[in-house]
Each structure stands twice: as structure tokens, then as C-alpha cells.
Amino acid sequence: MLFCAILVATYYYARASQYDMEKVAEMPARTLVYARDGKTELGRLHGDNRYIVHHDQVSEHFKNALISREDARFYKHLGIDLRSIARATVENIKRRRLAQGGSTLSIQLAENTYFQPDSTVKKSKFKLLDQKFLEMAIALRIEHKFEKDEILEHYMNRIFWGHSIRGIEAASRAYFEKPASKITLSEAAMLAGIIRGPNAFSPFRDIE
């Protein structure tokens, strides 16, 4: 059993080594156009509806809310949280359906970077499982390549918030008309709650 596990791990890590880690930090954003003073923003051109920000430019309230919601043991694991995977597996067996997942922020970052979902293609259970193992292997490489705060930064800049909104800065401006550094505790909780169903949970659909 242990030998088989080692073979599987070696196989997926070898496949993961083919992925360029630099892409994790590469995210298209719109070009900002400023006035002569270099401060007044006049408009944006091309690219995604995203503003790239440093992790220090994001409210601690949001960072705490994000970690609490998506990956409570973020600073304790190395990309794969075996405890969360075990808990999710037990719950899924009890409910006889895929009700919970054990993805960490690093695994989600790997998925969002290299495996953009395509609703027009329906994958088999085998392909989904194969991709999940590959995501975990890539997550290990991400953890080796980047510091924890860098991983958090890339995740916050890449995440999708519905309505073509990408990244925490764009989400904060769209929903609250303020920079991400000014997000309050209640606003942070709302934004963190939107992540798993950005279009379904969007406040634009139901303000109350």
C-alpha cells in the first residue's frame, strides 16, 4: 500500500513539474491611465477587470475572513491539509455525495491558474479525480516556490467575484466603492461568503 502511494505521488509530482510556476503570479489587469500629476486616474484600457495589489494593501479583516472561510489551517500546512481531506471524505461518505471538499488556498490557486473551468465540457469522475491529484501536486510546488503571504496575495488578486470582477481590489471597489485596505469586518465577511458562489451569492442579485 505504501509503495503504491509513493508511486502515485511520484507520478503526479513529475507531471506537476511541467507547469511553469511563474504563471501563478501572472494575471492580466487593465492598463490604468493617469493625468499629468501621476495620481488622478482617468480610465482603464484592455485586460481583465482587476487591480493588482500587494497583500499589505488588503484589510486584515478580509485576510482573516478569507482564511477562516476557505482554509483555516493555511499557515500550518504545506499545501495539502490531510486533516481537512480526511474530514471531507468522512462527510461525503456519510452523505453519499460530494458535499465537502478539502481544498486549501494553494490547491485552489493551482486550479484557478492552470485549470480554468469550462461549462461546455463535462468531465468524467476519473478525469476530475486525476485533475484533483494533479492540483495537489502543483500546490506542493507552489508552497515550495512562494512564501505564505505571497500565496495569499496571488490568490486574492486572482479570485473571481462574479460580474467579470476579478481580484479583491476590484471587488472592493465594485461592491463598496472603496479600496481593499478599507474593508470593514462585516464587509470582509460578505466578500468571503461570496467566493464559493460568486454569481449566485452576489449582492447585486438581492441587496437585502
Protein backbone atom coordinates (compact mmCIF):
# COMPACT_ATOMS: atom_id res chain seq x y z
CA MET A 1 0.00 0.00 0.00
CA LEU A 2 2.78 2.42 0.95
CA PHE A 3 4.72 1.51 -2.21
CA CYS A 4 1.64 2.25 -4.37
CA ALA A 5 1.13 5.58 -2.61
CA ILE A 6 4.75 6.52 -3.29
CA LEU A 7 4.39 5.58 -6.97
CA VAL A 8 1.22 7.68 -7.33
CA ALA A 9 2.82 10.65 -5.55
CA THR A 10 5.93 10.39 -7.74
CA TYR A 11 3.82 10.17 -10.90
CA TYR A 12 1.78 13.28 -10.14
CA TYR A 13 4.71 15.30 -8.87
CA ALA A 14 6.56 14.52 -12.10
CA ARG A 15 3.57 15.80 -14.08
CA ALA A 16 3.33 18.86 -11.85
CA SER A 17 6.97 19.71 -12.56
CA GLN A 18 5.99 20.51 -16.17
CA TYR A 19 3.92 23.53 -15.08
CA ASP A 20 5.57 26.96 -15.09
CA MET A 21 5.34 28.41 -11.58
CA GLU A 22 5.79 31.94 -12.89
CA LYS A 23 2.22 31.81 -14.24
CA VAL A 24 0.92 31.81 -10.66
CA ALA A 25 1.92 35.47 -10.36
CA GLU A 26 0.94 36.43 -13.92
CA MET A 27 -2.55 37.94 -14.07
CA PRO A 28 -3.89 40.21 -16.83
CA ALA A 29 -5.14 43.54 -15.49
CA ARG A 30 -6.42 46.63 -17.24
CA THR A 31 -3.91 49.36 -18.05
CA LEU A 32 -4.51 52.40 -15.86
CA VAL A 33 -4.41 55.84 -17.48
CA TYR A 34 -3.40 58.73 -15.19
CA ALA A 35 -3.44 62.53 -15.56
CA ARG A 36 -0.20 64.53 -15.69
CA ASP A 37 0.03 64.61 -11.90
CA GLY A 38 0.54 60.84 -11.94
CA LYS A 39 -2.13 60.35 -9.28
CA THR A 40 -5.52 61.15 -10.80
CA GLU A 41 -6.94 58.05 -12.52
CA LEU A 42 -8.61 58.88 -15.83
CA GLY A 43 -9.59 55.42 -17.01
CA ARG A 44 -8.63 51.83 -17.82
CA LEU A 45 -7.83 50.07 -21.08
CA HIS A 46 -7.97 46.37 -22.05
CA GLY A 47 -7.33 43.39 -19.79
CA ASP A 48 -9.48 41.87 -17.04
CA ASN A 49 -11.47 43.90 -14.54
CA ARG A 50 -8.68 43.53 -11.99
CA TYR A 51 -6.30 45.71 -9.98
CA ILE A 52 -3.13 44.02 -8.76
CA VAL A 53 -2.41 44.83 -5.10
CA HIS A 54 0.23 43.78 -2.57
CA HIS A 55 -1.00 41.70 0.37
CA ASP A 56 -0.19 44.62 2.69
CA GLN A 57 -2.73 46.71 0.76
CA VAL A 58 -5.61 44.45 1.79
CA SER A 59 -7.54 44.81 5.04
CA GLU A 60 -6.57 42.35 7.78
CA HIS A 61 -10.31 41.81 8.30
CA PHE A 62 -10.63 40.36 4.82
CA LYS A 63 -7.49 38.23 5.04
CA ASN A 64 -8.72 36.75 8.32
CA ALA A 65 -12.21 36.18 6.91
CA LEU A 66 -10.82 34.52 3.79
CA ILE A 67 -8.59 32.14 5.73
CA SER A 68 -11.38 31.32 8.21
CA ARG A 69 -13.80 30.57 5.38
CA GLU A 70 -11.57 28.76 2.91
CA ASP A 71 -8.52 27.35 4.68
CA ALA A 72 -8.39 27.70 8.48
CA ARG A 73 -5.04 25.87 8.73
CA PHE A 74 -3.41 27.86 5.90
CA TYR A 75 -0.32 28.82 7.88
CA LYS A 76 0.12 25.30 9.31
CA HIS A 77 0.12 23.01 6.26
CA LEU A 78 2.46 22.71 3.26
CA GLY A 79 -0.16 22.96 0.55
CA ILE A 80 -2.20 19.85 1.35
CA ASP A 81 -4.24 19.65 4.56
CA LEU A 82 -4.62 15.94 5.27
CA ARG A 83 -6.87 16.65 8.26
CA SER A 84 -9.34 18.58 6.09
CA ILE A 85 -9.24 15.93 3.35
CA ALA A 86 -9.97 13.19 5.91
CA ARG A 87 -12.87 15.18 7.40
CA ALA A 88 -14.33 15.91 3.96
CA THR A 89 -14.02 12.25 2.92
CA VAL A 90 -15.92 11.08 6.01
CA GLU A 91 -18.69 13.64 5.46
CA ASN A 92 -19.01 12.76 1.78
CA ILE A 93 -19.31 9.06 2.63
CA LYS A 94 -21.97 9.81 5.24
CA ARG A 95 -24.00 11.94 2.84
CA ARG A 96 -23.30 9.67 -0.15
CA ARG A 97 -22.48 12.67 -2.31
CA LEU A 98 -19.74 15.24 -2.82
CA ALA A 99 -20.86 17.70 -0.14
CA GLN A 100 -17.47 18.90 1.10
CA GLY A 101 -14.00 19.37 -0.30
CA GLY A 102 -10.59 19.51 1.33
CA SER A 103 -9.02 22.12 -0.94
CA THR A 104 -6.51 24.54 0.55
CA LEU A 105 -5.88 28.04 -0.79
CA SER A 106 -2.81 26.66 -2.57
CA ILE A 107 -4.85 23.93 -4.26
CA GLN A 108 -7.49 26.48 -5.29
CA LEU A 109 -4.74 28.76 -6.61
CA ALA A 110 -3.38 25.86 -8.68
CA GLU A 111 -6.86 25.17 -10.06
CA ASN A 112 -7.58 28.82 -10.88
CA THR A 113 -4.18 29.27 -12.52
CA TYR A 114 -3.93 26.18 -14.69
CA PHE A 115 -7.40 24.60 -14.91
CA GLN A 116 -9.95 27.26 -15.78
CA PRO A 117 -13.44 25.65 -15.65
CA ASP A 118 -15.25 25.09 -18.92
CA SER A 119 -19.00 24.61 -18.52
CA THR A 120 -19.26 23.25 -22.06
CA VAL A 121 -17.08 20.24 -21.25
CA LYS A 122 -18.37 17.61 -18.86
CA LYS A 123 -15.50 15.65 -17.30
CA SER A 124 -15.76 12.07 -16.15
CA LYS A 125 -15.23 11.20 -12.47
CA PHE A 126 -11.84 9.73 -13.39
CA LYS A 127 -10.71 12.95 -15.10
CA LEU A 128 -11.95 15.04 -12.18
CA LEU A 129 -10.05 12.83 -9.72
CA ASP A 130 -6.96 12.92 -11.93
CA GLN A 131 -7.09 16.73 -12.04
CA LYS A 132 -7.56 16.95 -8.27
CA PHE A 133 -4.45 14.85 -7.63
CA LEU A 134 -2.52 16.97 -10.11
CA GLU A 135 -3.74 20.17 -8.40
CA MET A 136 -2.46 18.84 -5.08
CA ALA A 137 0.95 18.09 -6.59
CA ILE A 138 1.09 21.58 -8.11
CA ALA A 139 0.05 23.05 -4.74
CA LEU A 140 3.14 21.46 -3.18
CA ARG A 141 5.30 23.17 -5.80
CA ILE A 142 3.53 26.49 -5.19
CA GLU A 143 4.26 26.20 -1.47
CA HIS A 144 7.92 25.48 -2.24
CA LYS A 145 8.19 28.41 -4.66
CA PHE A 146 6.32 31.13 -2.74
CA GLU A 147 6.05 32.39 0.83
CA LYS A 148 2.66 32.06 2.53
CA ASP A 149 1.88 35.78 2.23
CA GLU A 150 2.79 35.64 -1.48
CA ILE A 151 0.39 32.73 -1.99
CA LEU A 152 -2.33 34.67 -0.20
CA GLU A 153 -1.57 37.72 -2.35
CA HIS A 154 -1.75 35.80 -5.63
CA TYR A 155 -4.98 34.11 -4.54
CA MET A 156 -6.65 37.40 -3.58
CA ASN A 157 -5.61 39.02 -6.86
CA ARG A 158 -6.78 36.08 -8.98
CA ILE A 159 -10.09 35.13 -7.40
CA PHE A 160 -13.38 35.62 -9.30
CA TRP A 161 -16.21 37.57 -7.66
CA GLY A 162 -18.85 37.39 -10.37
CA HIS A 163 -19.93 40.01 -12.93
CA SER A 164 -16.45 39.93 -14.58
CA ILE A 165 -14.93 41.17 -11.27
CA ARG A 166 -11.53 39.64 -10.55
CA GLY A 167 -9.32 40.23 -7.54
CA ILE A 168 -10.04 41.69 -4.12
CA GLU A 169 -9.30 45.31 -5.11
CA ALA A 170 -11.80 45.25 -7.99
CA ALA A 171 -14.35 43.51 -5.76
CA SER A 172 -13.97 46.08 -3.00
CA ARG A 173 -14.35 48.96 -5.46
CA ALA A 174 -17.33 47.34 -7.21
CA TYR A 175 -19.29 46.39 -4.10
CA PHE A 176 -18.28 49.11 -1.65
CA GLU A 177 -16.65 51.87 -3.74
CA LYS A 178 -13.52 51.82 -1.60
CA PRO A 179 -10.01 50.29 -1.76
CA ALA A 180 -9.43 46.83 -0.29
CA SER A 181 -7.36 48.37 2.51
CA LYS A 182 -10.53 49.98 3.91
CA ILE A 183 -12.74 46.86 4.05
CA THR A 184 -14.56 46.55 7.40
CA LEU A 185 -15.23 43.36 9.35
CA SER A 186 -18.81 42.97 8.10
CA GLU A 187 -17.80 43.76 4.51
CA ALA A 188 -14.98 41.21 4.76
CA ALA A 189 -17.42 38.55 5.93
CA MET A 190 -19.73 39.26 3.00
CA LEU A 191 -16.94 39.16 0.41
CA ALA A 192 -15.54 35.92 1.83
CA GLY A 193 -19.01 34.39 1.70
CA ILE A 194 -19.45 35.22 -1.99
CA ILE A 195 -16.39 33.27 -3.15
CA ARG A 196 -17.92 29.79 -3.40
CA GLY A 197 -20.86 31.01 -5.48
CA PRO A 198 -19.96 34.46 -6.83
CA ASN A 199 -22.88 34.86 -9.22
CA ALA A 200 -25.45 33.09 -7.01
CA PHE A 201 -24.47 34.98 -3.83
CA SER A 202 -23.83 38.37 -5.45
CA PRO A 203 -25.49 41.23 -3.54
CA PHE A 204 -26.32 42.76 -6.92
CA ARG A 205 -28.89 39.97 -7.30
CA ASP A 206 -30.52 40.67 -3.92
CA ILE A 207 -29.27 43.68 -1.95
CA GLU A 208 -31.09 42.75 1.27
